[in-house]
Amino acid sequence: MAERVEHVRVAVVGSGFGGLGAAVRLRREGITDFVVLERAGSVGGTWRDNSYPGCACDVPSHLYSFSFAPNPDWPRTFSGQEHIRAYLERVADTFGLRPHLRLNHEVLMMRWDTGELRWDIETSQGRFTADVVVSATGPLSDPKIPDIPGIADFPGKVFHSARWDHDYDLAGKRVAVIGTGASAIQIVPAIQPEVGRLTLFQRTPAWVMRRMDRPITAAERWLHRTLPATTTVRRGLLWGIRELQVGAFVKHPGELGLVEKLAKANINKHIKDPALRARLTPSYRIGCKRILLSNAYYPALARPNVDLVASGLAEVRGSTLVASDGTETEVDAIIFSTGFHVTDMPIAERVVGAGGQTLAEAWKDGMAALRGASAAGFPNWMTIIGPNTGLGNSSMILMIESQLNYMADFMRQLDVLGGRAALDARPAAVERWTDHIQRRMRRTVWNTGGCDSWYLDANGRNTTVWPGTTGEFRKETRRVDLAEYELLRPPGTVGSPARAAVPAEMPAQVPAARTNQDAEETAR
């Protein structure tokens, strides 16, 4: 019996903010012939996977949510993982996305079919074909665990912060936390009171600022429910403050000196031991790495059952951990808080384009995509949170919504072109866009601040962060410029080559529907 293959107009991969946002936008554009392929058993993306103790967002909740789905009932200014995950579940319900979800469908391979101008998608639950693929797997989806000699023979418990083992009891245990990034500074104070001894392995100290967190009062929540415009105003203020800060990061890193003094004051307030204080004070410019927020991290490090090893983990000998500086520590459990595959996203190994090469092969010298969305040689394939769409100081939801604008216009252009058609980003257009970004990147704090961050790829190039404001990115992605794409028709189509320039009489773009985001911008 022949395998049943379901064909859809659009296949969305992933059901985090990017995937659910894409699904909502497709429905609002009148497109209902789509599926959302999700490898797990529920929606939520990184906010489903990261359930470690203390997990919360470092962007205010009223900004870290969709403009088209405001939540008047956030419990805190910086809400926790459980509240963000519940919000995404409500989005799926409110916008009628459940029928489109294909849970437990891990994408194993996506191949472009040049003859049919469509994507052939193999999943763990069967095959699909799609005219367009929207990849929303996100950069924080696949944990990175360093290859440490001897780790396989460690007799105790080992897990990554994004795959927390809630069945393992940490009470009274000797626990090592590897890494000092955003997850670690939340985990350490959360588990410190219950563990017997906690050893933190720190390769590079982080700049940690006070977290201006508080409960949102019942009166505030009532006001936001009664007068929804107040939620919009609150969001707009949060957005505007962060937009004003961007200049220091991208043009004038020297202006960050005052912020650095505030961060040092935060260390001095909580860490009285001069030796420990010195080990916790970074030597690079603040902002070069992600600025972290916590009121509990430094007080936890000052507790008597916590040790800081200012060196990376080099080797594991039985139950003994050996640091690069030779320090030895015996532990019962190892928690890796070592981040994710960001500049080498594993999904790229599973995407085969028009030329027969994988996206990983195309990106072997660094990720590059036109306006953060379209990679040359991968027709009708778009990524949400693609290369150089990350942020160092604001909400990724703003960037996601801008990319959804671009996706929506991409679909409109295909409709205008008519018939079976595909758009493939021109290599020259991708190169111009990438060169433009890298020129702007040269004077940013991420390139000049003197650190080695996860924003940089193996070649030392920043392929992660957007070197500008979210407003600038919104303008750059408001419309699809057909001159930046090649038009593809099925081979043998009468009067049309397989690849063609966009016809001269074809308009550069068609009018786009006004979005909530446009309305927000006007209101501002």
Protein backbone atom coordinates (compact mmCIF):
# COMPACT_ATOMS: atom_id res chain seq x y z
CA MET A 1 0.00 0.00 0.00
CA ALA A 2 1.36 3.41 -1.00
CA GLU A 3 2.29 5.71 1.84
CA ARG A 4 -0.26 8.46 2.40
CA VAL A 5 1.29 11.87 1.84
CA GLU A 6 -0.54 14.97 3.04
CA HIS A 7 0.00 18.07 0.92
CA VAL A 8 -0.37 21.54 2.44
CA ARG A 9 0.30 25.01 1.21
CA VAL A 10 2.51 25.84 4.20
CA ALA A 11 4.34 23.65 6.69
CA VAL A 12 5.43 25.46 9.85
CA VAL A 13 8.16 23.71 11.85
CA GLY A 14 8.08 24.35 15.59
CA SER A 15 5.43 25.60 18.01
CA GLY A 16 7.18 28.16 20.16
CA PHE A 17 6.63 31.90 19.79
CA GLY A 18 7.85 31.82 16.19
CA GLY A 19 5.78 28.84 15.05
CA LEU A 20 2.56 29.83 16.80
CA GLY A 21 3.00 33.41 15.63
CA ALA A 22 3.39 32.19 12.05
CA ALA A 23 0.27 30.05 12.38
CA VAL A 24 -1.80 32.97 13.70
CA ARG A 25 -0.54 35.26 10.94
CA LEU A 26 -1.33 32.71 8.22
CA ARG A 27 -4.90 32.46 9.49
CA ARG A 28 -5.21 36.23 9.61
CA GLU A 29 -4.04 36.32 5.99
CA GLY A 30 -6.82 33.91 5.07
CA ILE A 31 -4.51 30.91 4.69
CA THR A 32 -5.90 27.84 6.46
CA ASP A 33 -4.18 25.08 4.46
CA PHE A 34 -1.19 24.63 6.77
CA VAL A 35 0.18 22.38 9.48
CA VAL A 36 2.45 23.05 12.45
CA LEU A 37 4.93 20.20 12.85
CA GLU A 38 6.09 19.86 16.46
CA ARG A 39 8.51 17.19 17.67
CA ALA A 40 7.24 17.27 21.28
CA GLY A 41 3.85 16.41 22.70
CA SER A 42 2.78 20.00 23.43
CA VAL A 43 3.38 23.55 22.27
CA GLY A 44 5.70 26.05 23.92
CA GLY A 45 9.15 25.67 22.37
CA THR A 46 11.94 26.78 24.67
CA TRP A 47 9.36 27.68 27.35
CA ARG A 48 8.19 24.08 27.37
CA ASP A 49 11.68 22.58 27.39
CA ASN A 50 13.26 24.86 29.98
CA SER A 51 11.51 24.05 33.24
CA TYR A 52 14.50 24.26 35.58
CA PRO A 53 14.08 25.79 39.06
CA GLY A 54 13.89 29.57 38.91
CA CYS A 55 13.31 29.72 35.14
CA ALA A 56 11.93 33.11 34.12
CA CYS A 57 12.23 35.69 31.36
CA ASP A 58 14.58 38.67 31.52
CA VAL A 59 12.29 40.82 29.34
CA PRO A 60 9.21 42.44 30.92
CA SER A 61 6.12 40.31 30.30
CA HIS A 62 4.05 43.03 28.67
CA LEU A 63 6.76 43.34 26.02
CA TYR A 64 7.53 39.63 25.83
CA SER A 65 4.15 38.75 24.34
CA PHE A 66 2.39 39.17 21.00
CA SER A 67 1.01 42.60 20.14
CA PHE A 68 -2.08 40.85 18.77
CA ALA A 69 -2.57 38.79 21.95
CA PRO A 70 -2.03 41.07 24.96
CA ASN A 71 -2.29 39.45 28.37
CA PRO A 72 -3.70 41.77 31.07
CA ASP A 73 -3.14 39.15 33.78
CA TRP A 74 0.64 38.75 33.92
CA PRO A 75 1.36 38.10 37.63
CA ARG A 76 4.78 39.78 37.72
CA THR A 77 6.69 42.35 35.70
CA PHE A 78 9.11 39.51 34.78
CA SER A 79 6.96 36.39 34.72
CA GLY A 80 8.13 32.83 35.20
CA GLN A 81 8.35 29.93 32.77
CA GLU A 82 5.06 28.38 33.81
CA HIS A 83 3.15 31.59 33.07
CA ILE A 84 4.80 32.06 29.66
CA ARG A 85 4.11 28.47 28.69
CA ALA A 86 0.46 28.84 29.79
CA TYR A 87 0.24 32.01 27.69
CA LEU A 88 1.37 30.11 24.58
CA GLU A 89 -1.16 27.37 25.24
CA ARG A 90 -3.87 30.05 25.42
CA VAL A 91 -2.67 31.53 22.12
CA ALA A 92 -3.07 28.11 20.50
CA ASP A 93 -6.63 27.87 21.84
CA THR A 94 -7.71 31.47 21.29
CA PHE A 95 -6.69 31.53 17.63
CA GLY A 96 -8.00 28.07 16.77
CA LEU A 97 -4.61 26.52 16.07
CA ARG A 98 -5.23 23.05 17.57
CA PRO A 99 -6.57 21.49 14.33
CA HIS A 100 -3.38 22.55 12.55
CA LEU A 101 -1.00 21.08 15.13
CA ARG A 102 0.79 17.83 14.40
CA LEU A 103 2.35 16.97 17.74
CA ASN A 104 5.06 14.31 18.10
CA HIS A 105 6.01 14.93 14.46
CA GLU A 106 9.76 15.42 14.46
CA VAL A 107 11.07 16.64 11.12
CA LEU A 108 13.73 14.19 9.97
CA MET A 109 14.46 15.67 6.54
CA MET A 110 13.16 18.36 4.17
CA ARG A 111 14.09 18.12 0.47
CA TRP A 112 13.29 20.57 -2.28
CA ASP A 113 11.63 18.93 -5.31
CA THR A 114 12.70 20.99 -8.32
CA GLY A 115 10.29 19.27 -10.69
CA GLU A 116 7.23 19.83 -8.52
CA LEU A 117 8.36 23.11 -6.93
CA ARG A 118 7.55 21.91 -3.44
CA TRP A 119 9.14 20.58 -0.29
CA ASP A 120 9.11 16.88 0.52
CA ILE A 121 9.07 16.55 4.31
CA GLU A 122 9.81 13.35 6.17
CA THR A 123 8.67 13.27 9.79
CA SER A 124 8.67 10.66 12.53
CA GLN A 125 4.94 10.18 11.86
CA GLY A 126 4.87 10.15 8.05
CA ARG A 127 5.44 12.33 5.00
CA PHE A 128 4.12 15.72 3.99
CA THR A 129 4.62 17.93 0.96
CA ALA A 130 4.36 21.70 1.14
CA ASP A 131 4.58 24.61 -1.27
CA VAL A 132 6.26 26.72 1.42
CA VAL A 133 8.16 25.84 4.59
CA VAL A 134 8.40 28.24 7.53
CA SER A 135 11.12 27.01 9.87
CA ALA A 136 10.55 28.27 13.41
CA THR A 137 12.72 25.87 15.37
CA GLY A 138 14.48 28.75 17.11
CA PRO A 139 18.11 29.09 18.20
CA LEU A 140 17.46 27.94 21.80
CA SER A 141 16.04 24.51 21.02
CA ASP A 142 18.97 22.08 20.94
CA PRO A 143 21.15 22.00 24.10
CA LYS A 144 24.91 22.12 23.75
CA ILE A 145 26.89 19.82 26.05
CA PRO A 146 30.66 20.13 25.78
CA ASP A 147 32.67 17.01 25.04
CA ILE A 148 34.47 16.60 28.37
CA PRO A 149 36.99 13.72 28.67
CA GLY A 150 35.70 11.13 31.13
CA ILE A 151 32.11 12.41 31.31
CA ALA A 152 30.73 9.09 30.02
CA ASP A 153 32.20 7.29 33.05
CA PHE A 154 30.85 9.71 35.65
CA PRO A 155 28.93 7.53 38.15
CA GLY A 156 26.47 10.22 39.24
CA LYS A 157 23.66 12.14 37.57
CA VAL A 158 24.26 14.33 34.49
CA PHE A 159 21.74 16.52 32.69
CA HIS A 160 21.43 19.82 30.83
CA SER A 161 19.43 22.72 32.25
CA ALA A 162 17.06 22.52 29.26
CA ARG A 163 16.38 18.84 29.97
CA TRP A 164 15.91 19.11 33.72
CA ASP A 165 15.40 15.81 35.54
CA HIS A 166 12.61 16.61 38.00
CA ASP A 167 12.69 13.04 39.37
CA TYR A 168 16.24 13.50 40.69
CA ASP A 169 16.33 14.77 44.26
CA LEU A 170 19.08 17.36 44.77
CA ALA A 171 18.54 17.59 48.52
CA GLY A 172 21.84 17.21 50.37
CA LYS A 173 23.75 16.35 47.19
CA ARG A 174 27.11 17.70 46.06
CA VAL A 175 26.18 19.45 42.83
CA ALA A 176 28.29 21.05 40.12
CA VAL A 177 26.80 23.67 37.82
CA ILE A 178 28.81 24.20 34.64
CA GLY A 179 28.46 27.65 33.09
CA THR A 180 27.53 31.16 34.20
CA GLY A 181 24.99 32.23 31.59
CA ALA A 182 21.35 33.23 31.85
CA SER A 183 20.19 29.78 33.00
CA ALA A 184 22.92 29.31 35.61
CA ILE A 185 22.26 32.59 37.39
CA GLN A 186 18.65 31.49 37.89
CA ILE A 187 19.44 27.89 38.81
CA VAL A 188 22.16 28.61 41.40
CA PRO A 189 20.03 30.67 43.81
CA ALA A 190 17.05 28.36 43.29
CA ILE A 191 18.87 25.15 44.30
CA GLN A 192 21.45 26.56 46.72
CA PRO A 193 19.25 26.26 49.83
CA GLU A 194 18.54 22.54 49.28
CA VAL A 195 21.83 21.09 48.05
CA GLY A 196 24.56 19.98 50.41
CA ARG A 197 27.31 21.71 48.47
CA LEU A 198 27.22 23.62 45.20
CA THR A 199 30.29 24.20 43.01
CA LEU A 200 29.96 26.64 40.13
CA PHE A 201 32.45 26.29 37.27
CA GLN A 202 32.95 29.68 35.65
CA ARG A 203 35.05 30.16 32.51
CA THR A 204 34.13 33.84 32.18
CA PRO A 205 32.21 35.98 34.69
CA ALA A 206 29.02 37.66 33.57
CA TRP A 207 27.82 41.21 34.13
CA VAL A 208 24.75 40.93 36.36
CA MET A 209 22.37 43.83 36.97
CA ARG A 210 19.55 44.18 39.47
CA ARG A 211 16.27 42.67 38.33
CA MET A 212 13.51 45.27 38.71
CA ASP A 213 10.89 42.62 39.35
CA ARG A 214 7.73 42.92 41.44
CA PRO A 215 4.22 41.50 41.56
CA ILE A 216 1.73 43.25 39.29
CA THR A 217 -1.05 44.44 41.56
CA ALA A 218 -4.68 43.39 41.29
CA ALA A 219 -5.54 47.03 40.55
CA GLU A 220 -3.14 47.11 37.61
CA ARG A 221 -4.53 43.89 36.20
CA TRP A 222 -8.09 45.19 36.60
CA LEU A 223 -7.14 48.38 34.77
CA HIS A 224 -5.55 46.43 31.89
CA ARG A 225 -8.64 44.21 31.56
CA THR A 226 -11.06 47.14 31.75
CA LEU A 227 -9.09 49.53 29.53
CA PRO A 228 -7.03 47.46 27.07
CA ALA A 229 -5.41 50.64 25.75
CA THR A 230 -3.46 50.87 29.01
CA THR A 231 -1.75 47.58 28.16
CA THR A 232 -0.76 49.04 24.79
CA VAL A 233 0.62 52.16 26.48
CA ARG A 234 2.59 50.08 28.97
CA ARG A 235 4.04 47.97 26.17
CA GLY A 236 4.89 51.08 24.16
CA LEU A 237 6.79 52.64 27.07
CA LEU A 238 8.79 49.46 27.64
CA TRP A 239 9.57 49.31 23.93
CA GLY A 240 10.60 52.96 23.71
CA ILE A 241 13.00 52.77 26.65
CA ARG A 242 14.82 49.85 25.04
CA GLU A 243 14.94 51.51 21.63
CA LEU A 244 16.68 54.51 23.20
CA GLN A 245 19.32 52.21 24.70
CA VAL A 246 20.31 50.63 21.39
CA GLY A 247 22.64 53.44 20.33
CA ALA A 248 25.10 52.69 23.12
CA PHE A 249 25.31 49.04 22.07
CA VAL A 250 25.66 49.54 18.32
CA LYS A 251 27.34 52.93 17.88
CA HIS A 252 28.84 54.21 21.13
CA PRO A 253 29.99 51.33 23.37
CA GLY A 254 32.06 53.80 25.38
CA GLU A 255 28.81 55.23 26.76
CA LEU A 256 28.19 51.96 28.60
CA GLY A 257 30.71 52.91 31.28
CA LEU A 258 28.00 54.24 33.61
CA VAL A 259 26.04 50.99 33.31
CA GLU A 260 29.25 49.13 34.11
CA LYS A 261 29.66 51.15 37.31
CA LEU A 262 26.14 50.22 38.36
CA ALA A 263 26.90 46.55 37.73
CA LYS A 264 30.10 46.78 39.79
CA ALA A 265 28.14 48.41 42.60
CA ASN A 266 25.79 45.43 42.49
CA ILE A 267 28.74 43.07 42.97
CA ASN A 268 30.21 45.18 45.79
CA LYS A 269 26.89 45.29 47.62
CA HIS A 270 26.56 41.51 47.91
CA ILE A 271 30.10 40.13 47.71
CA LYS A 272 32.28 41.25 50.62
CA ASP A 273 35.19 38.85 50.04
CA PRO A 274 37.70 40.80 47.88
CA ALA A 275 39.08 37.62 46.25
CA LEU A 276 35.63 36.36 45.28
CA ARG A 277 34.66 39.82 44.10
CA ALA A 278 37.69 39.94 41.81
CA ARG A 279 36.82 36.55 40.29
CA LEU A 280 33.24 37.70 39.63
CA THR A 281 34.18 41.00 37.96
CA PRO A 282 34.41 40.76 34.16
CA SER A 283 37.32 42.28 32.26
CA TYR A 284 35.31 42.98 29.11
CA ARG A 285 32.92 45.83 28.31
CA ILE A 286 29.41 45.36 29.65
CA GLY A 287 27.02 44.35 26.87
CA CYS A 288 29.63 42.37 24.93
CA LYS A 289 28.00 39.28 26.37
CA ARG A 290 24.35 39.20 27.28
CA ILE A 291 23.67 41.37 30.35
CA LEU A 292 22.03 39.19 33.00
CA LEU A 293 19.42 40.16 35.58
CA SER A 294 19.21 38.75 39.09
CA ASN A 295 18.74 39.89 42.67
CA ALA A 296 19.59 36.48 44.12
CA TYR A 297 22.69 35.30 42.22
CA TYR A 298 25.41 37.17 44.14
CA PRO A 299 23.83 36.55 47.58
CA ALA A 300 23.71 32.82 46.75
CA LEU A 301 27.40 32.78 45.78
CA ALA A 302 28.24 34.33 49.14
CA ARG A 303 26.60 31.47 51.07
CA PRO A 304 28.93 29.07 52.93
CA ASN A 305 27.84 25.96 50.96
CA VAL A 306 28.80 27.49 47.58
CA ASP A 307 32.22 27.38 45.91
CA LEU A 308 33.22 29.25 42.77
CA VAL A 309 35.84 27.66 40.53
CA ALA A 310 37.00 30.43 38.20
CA SER A 311 37.98 28.00 35.48
CA GLY A 312 36.26 25.75 32.98
CA LEU A 313 35.70 22.04 33.45
CA ALA A 314 38.54 20.18 31.74
CA GLU A 315 38.19 16.53 32.74
CA VAL A 316 36.12 14.07 34.75
CA ARG A 317 37.87 11.31 36.71
CA GLY A 318 35.27 9.06 38.23
CA SER A 319 33.25 11.32 40.52
CA THR A 320 35.98 13.97 40.61
CA LEU A 321 35.74 17.04 38.38
CA VAL A 322 39.04 18.60 37.33
CA ALA A 323 39.08 22.25 36.27
CA SER A 324 41.44 23.79 33.75
CA ASP A 325 43.43 25.32 36.61
CA GLY A 326 43.81 21.93 38.29
CA THR A 327 41.13 22.40 40.96
CA GLU A 328 39.52 19.08 41.90
CA THR A 329 35.97 18.72 43.17
CA GLU A 330 34.06 15.56 44.05
CA VAL A 331 30.34 15.73 43.20
CA ASP A 332 27.21 13.59 42.99
CA ALA A 333 25.56 15.43 40.10
CA ILE A 334 26.56 17.62 37.15
CA ILE A 335 24.19 20.20 35.68
CA PHE A 336 25.33 21.64 32.36
CA SER A 337 24.13 25.19 31.85
CA THR A 338 26.15 25.56 28.67
CA GLY A 339 23.67 27.02 26.21
CA PHE A 340 22.48 25.87 22.82
CA HIS A 341 23.51 25.24 19.23
CA VAL A 342 22.88 28.79 18.03
CA THR A 343 25.29 29.40 15.14
CA ASP A 344 25.22 25.74 14.09
CA MET A 345 21.51 24.95 14.32
CA PRO A 346 20.93 21.18 13.95
CA ILE A 347 17.83 21.73 11.76
CA ALA A 348 20.22 22.95 9.04
CA GLU A 349 21.48 19.38 8.66
CA ARG A 350 17.93 18.33 7.78
CA VAL A 351 17.22 20.80 4.97
CA VAL A 352 18.33 19.89 1.42
CA GLY A 353 18.00 22.67 -1.13
CA ALA A 354 17.74 22.98 -4.91
CA GLY A 355 21.41 22.20 -5.48
CA GLY A 356 21.36 19.02 -3.41
CA GLN A 357 23.37 20.44 -0.51
CA THR A 358 22.15 20.81 3.01
CA LEU A 359 21.63 24.18 4.61
CA ALA A 360 24.45 23.28 7.02
CA GLU A 361 26.78 22.85 4.03
CA ALA A 362 25.61 26.14 2.55
CA TRP A 363 26.28 27.81 5.88
CA LYS A 364 29.63 26.13 6.60
CA ASP A 365 31.37 29.53 6.46
CA GLY A 366 28.65 31.25 8.49
CA MET A 367 24.88 31.63 8.52
CA ALA A 368 23.45 34.11 6.02
CA ALA A 369 19.88 34.80 4.97
CA LEU A 370 18.22 37.67 3.13
CA ARG A 371 16.55 39.90 5.74
CA GLY A 372 17.06 37.09 8.23
CA ALA A 373 14.57 34.89 6.37
CA SER A 374 15.58 33.48 2.95
CA ALA A 375 18.71 31.47 2.16
CA ALA A 376 19.96 31.32 -1.43
CA GLY A 377 19.34 27.93 -3.03
CA PHE A 378 16.42 27.11 -0.74
CA PRO A 379 13.30 28.26 -2.59
CA ASN A 380 10.06 28.93 -0.69
CA TRP A 381 11.86 28.22 2.59
CA MET A 382 11.84 30.87 5.27
CA THR A 383 13.20 30.94 8.78
CA ILE A 384 11.83 32.81 11.78
CA ILE A 385 14.57 34.06 14.13
CA GLY A 386 17.12 33.50 11.39
CA PRO A 387 20.66 34.85 11.05
CA ASN A 388 21.27 38.27 12.60
CA THR A 389 17.78 38.69 14.01
CA GLY A 390 18.72 38.31 17.69
CA LEU A 391 18.69 41.13 20.22
CA GLY A 392 20.96 42.14 23.04
CA ASN A 393 18.57 44.33 25.03
CA SER A 394 14.94 43.99 23.96
CA SER A 395 12.15 41.52 23.19
CA MET A 396 12.57 38.88 20.50
CA ILE A 397 8.81 38.94 20.01
CA LEU A 398 9.22 42.31 18.28
CA MET A 399 11.65 40.75 15.81
CA ILE A 400 9.43 37.71 15.31
CA GLU A 401 6.43 39.88 14.44
CA SER A 402 8.53 41.78 11.90
CA GLN A 403 9.54 38.51 10.28
CA LEU A 404 5.90 37.46 10.24
CA ASN A 405 5.15 40.64 8.27
CA TYR A 406 7.79 39.56 5.76
CA MET A 407 6.39 36.01 5.61
CA ALA A 408 2.88 37.34 4.99
CA ASP A 409 4.05 39.53 2.11
CA PHE A 410 6.04 36.60 0.69
CA MET A 411 2.80 34.62 0.50
CA ARG A 412 1.03 37.56 -1.16
CA GLN A 413 3.73 37.81 -3.81
CA LEU A 414 3.32 34.12 -4.66
CA ASP A 415 -0.42 34.70 -5.06
CA VAL A 416 0.17 37.63 -7.42
CA LEU A 417 2.65 35.63 -9.51
CA GLY A 418 0.00 32.94 -9.97
CA GLY A 419 0.28 29.31 -11.01
CA ARG A 420 3.01 27.08 -9.67
CA ALA A 421 5.82 29.37 -8.67
CA ALA A 422 8.63 29.65 -6.18
CA LEU A 423 10.93 32.44 -5.08
CA ASP A 424 14.62 31.81 -4.43
CA ALA A 425 16.78 34.50 -2.83
CA ARG A 426 19.47 35.71 -5.23
CA PRO A 427 22.99 35.00 -3.92
CA ALA A 428 24.02 38.58 -4.71
CA ALA A 429 21.10 39.93 -2.67
CA VAL A 430 22.00 37.73 0.29
CA GLU A 431 25.62 38.85 0.02
CA ARG A 432 24.67 42.55 -0.09
CA TRP A 433 22.42 42.14 2.93
CA THR A 434 25.08 40.23 4.87
CA ASP A 435 27.82 42.75 4.00
CA HIS A 436 25.52 45.57 5.11
CA ILE A 437 24.98 43.91 8.48
CA GLN A 438 28.64 43.07 9.03
CA ARG A 439 29.71 46.63 8.22
CA ARG A 440 27.31 47.91 10.85
CA MET A 441 28.52 45.25 13.26
CA ARG A 442 32.12 46.46 13.31
CA ARG A 443 31.69 49.18 15.91
CA THR A 444 29.12 47.43 18.09
CA VAL A 445 29.91 46.37 21.64
CA TRP A 446 29.46 42.72 20.58
CA ASN A 447 32.45 43.01 18.25
CA THR A 448 34.59 45.54 20.12
CA GLY A 449 33.85 44.71 23.75
CA GLY A 450 36.70 42.24 24.22
CA CYS A 451 34.75 39.05 24.88
CA ASP A 452 34.09 35.71 23.21
CA SER A 453 30.32 35.23 23.28
CA TRP A 454 27.79 32.77 21.89
CA TYR A 455 26.82 35.49 19.43
CA LEU A 456 29.97 34.66 17.44
CA ASP A 457 30.34 31.66 15.13
CA ALA A 458 33.39 29.43 14.71
CA ASN A 459 34.96 32.05 12.43
CA GLY A 460 34.50 34.83 14.96
CA ARG A 461 31.74 36.50 12.94
CA ASN A 462 28.59 37.75 14.66
CA THR A 463 25.80 35.96 12.79
CA THR A 464 23.33 36.16 15.66
CA VAL A 465 22.52 39.75 16.67
CA TRP A 466 20.76 42.52 14.74
CA PRO A 467 22.95 45.69 14.83
CA GLY A 468 20.13 48.19 15.09
CA THR A 469 16.76 49.01 16.58
CA THR A 470 13.68 46.85 16.28
CA GLY A 471 12.04 49.75 14.46
CA GLU A 472 14.76 49.67 11.80
CA PHE A 473 14.31 45.93 11.35
CA ARG A 474 10.56 46.35 11.00
CA LYS A 475 11.08 48.78 8.11
CA GLU A 476 13.56 46.42 6.44
CA THR A 477 11.10 43.53 6.55
CA ARG A 478 7.80 45.28 5.84
CA ARG A 479 7.78 44.24 2.16
CA VAL A 480 9.34 41.57 -0.04
CA ASP A 481 11.38 43.13 -2.86
CA LEU A 482 10.96 40.75 -5.81
CA ALA A 483 14.14 42.12 -7.38
CA GLU A 484 16.02 40.27 -4.61
CA TYR A 485 14.56 36.92 -5.73
CA GLU A 486 14.61 34.63 -8.73
CA LEU A 487 11.24 33.41 -9.95
CA LEU A 488 11.08 29.64 -10.45
CA ARG A 489 8.54 27.83 -12.63
CA PRO A 490 8.16 24.07 -13.14
CA PRO A 491 10.57 22.67 -15.76
CA GLY A 492 8.93 22.49 -19.18
CA THR A 493 6.34 25.17 -18.45
CA VAL A 494 5.35 26.63 -21.83
CA GLY A 495 6.96 29.98 -22.39
CA SER A 496 8.74 30.01 -19.05
CA PRO A 497 12.26 28.89 -18.18
CA ALA A 498 12.76 26.99 -14.94
CA ARG A 499 14.46 30.07 -13.53
CA ALA A 500 13.55 33.55 -14.63
CA ALA A 501 13.92 37.11 -13.60
CA VAL A 502 10.79 38.66 -12.18
CA PRO A 503 8.89 40.13 -15.16
CA ALA A 504 9.50 43.83 -15.66
CA GLU A 505 5.78 44.56 -15.53
CA MET A 506 5.45 42.80 -12.18
CA PRO A 507 5.09 45.31 -9.34
CA ALA A 508 7.87 45.30 -6.77
CA GLN A 509 5.29 44.52 -4.12
CA VAL A 510 1.58 44.37 -3.52
CA PRO A 511 -0.21 46.33 -0.82
CA ALA A 512 0.09 44.67 2.56
CA ALA A 513 -2.74 44.41 5.03
CA ARG A 514 -2.47 46.76 7.96
CA THR A 515 -1.31 44.86 11.02
CA ASN A 516 -1.62 45.39 14.75
CA GLN A 517 2.10 46.09 14.70
CA ASP A 518 1.58 48.91 12.17
CA ALA A 519 -1.12 50.34 14.39
CA GLU A 520 1.22 50.14 17.39
CA GLU A 521 3.88 52.05 15.50
CA THR A 522 1.40 54.76 14.52
CA ALA A 523 0.23 55.05 18.13
CA ARG A 524 3.82 55.55 19.23
